[in-house]
């Protein structure tokens, strides 16, 4: 269960970094 949560968190971070449109949070990575 902890591994699943970690995977979801990692996926969310990857999506936020790779996608140009910041839907989840306005991250100034771009």
N, C-alpha and C. Protein backbone atom coordinates (compact mmCIF):
# COMPACT_ATOMS: atom_id res chain seq x y z
N UNK A 1 0.85 -1.21 0.00
CA UNK A 1 0.00 0.00 0.00
C UNK A 1 0.88 1.26 0.00
N UNK A 2 1.95 1.21 0.78
CA UNK A 2 2.88 2.35 0.81
C UNK A 2 3.58 2.49 -0.54
N UNK A 3 3.88 1.36 -1.16
CA UNK A 3 4.53 1.40 -2.48
C UNK A 3 3.59 2.03 -3.50
N UNK A 4 2.29 1.72 -3.40
CA UNK A 4 1.31 2.29 -4.33
C UNK A 4 1.23 3.81 -4.15
N UNK A 5 1.20 4.25 -2.90
CA UNK A 5 1.15 5.69 -2.64
C UNK A 5 2.41 6.38 -3.16
N UNK A 6 3.56 5.73 -2.97
CA UNK A 6 4.82 6.30 -3.47
C UNK A 6 4.80 6.39 -4.99
N UNK A 7 4.26 5.36 -5.64
CA UNK A 7 4.18 5.35 -7.10
C UNK A 7 3.27 6.46 -7.60
N UNK A 8 2.14 6.66 -6.92
CA UNK A 8 1.22 7.73 -7.32
C UNK A 8 1.88 9.10 -7.14
N UNK A 9 2.61 9.27 -6.04
CA UNK A 9 3.29 10.55 -5.79
C UNK A 9 4.36 10.79 -6.85
N UNK A 10 5.11 9.75 -7.18
CA UNK A 10 6.16 9.87 -8.19
C UNK A 10 5.55 10.19 -9.55
N UNK A 11 4.41 9.55 -9.85
CA UNK A 11 3.73 9.80 -11.12
C UNK A 11 3.23 11.24 -11.19
N UNK A 12 2.71 11.74 -10.06
CA UNK A 12 2.21 13.12 -10.02
C UNK A 12 3.35 14.11 -10.25
N UNK A 13 4.49 13.85 -9.62
CA UNK A 13 5.65 14.74 -9.79
C UNK A 13 6.15 14.67 -11.24
N UNK A 14 6.21 13.47 -11.81
CA UNK A 14 6.65 13.32 -13.20
C UNK A 14 5.71 14.06 -14.14
N UNK A 15 4.41 13.91 -13.91
CA UNK A 15 3.43 14.57 -14.77
C UNK A 15 3.57 16.08 -14.65
N UNK A 16 3.80 16.57 -13.43
CA UNK A 16 3.93 18.02 -13.22
C UNK A 16 5.19 18.55 -13.89
N UNK A 17 6.23 17.74 -13.94
CA UNK A 17 7.48 18.19 -14.56
C UNK A 17 7.38 18.12 -16.09
N UNK A 18 6.82 17.02 -16.62
CA UNK A 18 6.82 16.82 -18.07
C UNK A 18 5.73 17.59 -18.79
N UNK A 19 4.57 17.75 -18.17
CA UNK A 19 3.48 18.45 -18.84
C UNK A 19 3.69 19.96 -18.76
N UNK A 20 3.53 20.67 -19.88
CA UNK A 20 3.69 22.13 -19.88
C UNK A 20 2.56 22.83 -19.13
N UNK A 21 1.38 22.24 -19.12
CA UNK A 21 0.24 22.83 -18.42
C UNK A 21 0.21 22.38 -16.97
N UNK A 22 0.42 23.32 -16.05
CA UNK A 22 0.42 22.97 -14.63
C UNK A 22 -1.02 22.95 -14.11
N UNK A 23 -1.60 21.76 -14.06
CA UNK A 23 -2.99 21.64 -13.60
C UNK A 23 -3.07 21.45 -12.09
N UNK A 24 -2.16 20.62 -11.55
CA UNK A 24 -2.22 20.32 -10.12
C UNK A 24 -1.72 21.49 -9.28
N UNK A 25 -0.56 22.02 -9.63
CA UNK A 25 0.02 23.12 -8.85
C UNK A 25 0.88 24.00 -9.75
N UNK A 26 0.86 25.29 -9.49
CA UNK A 26 1.68 26.23 -10.29
C UNK A 26 3.15 26.13 -9.93
N UNK A 27 3.79 25.06 -10.40
CA UNK A 27 5.21 24.86 -10.07
C UNK A 27 6.08 25.64 -11.05
N UNK A 28 7.01 26.43 -10.55
CA UNK A 28 7.88 27.25 -11.41
C UNK A 28 9.04 26.46 -12.02
N UNK A 29 8.80 25.18 -12.34
CA UNK A 29 9.85 24.35 -12.93
C UNK A 29 10.03 24.72 -14.40
N UNK A 30 8.92 25.03 -15.05
CA UNK A 30 8.97 25.40 -16.46
C UNK A 30 9.58 26.79 -16.61
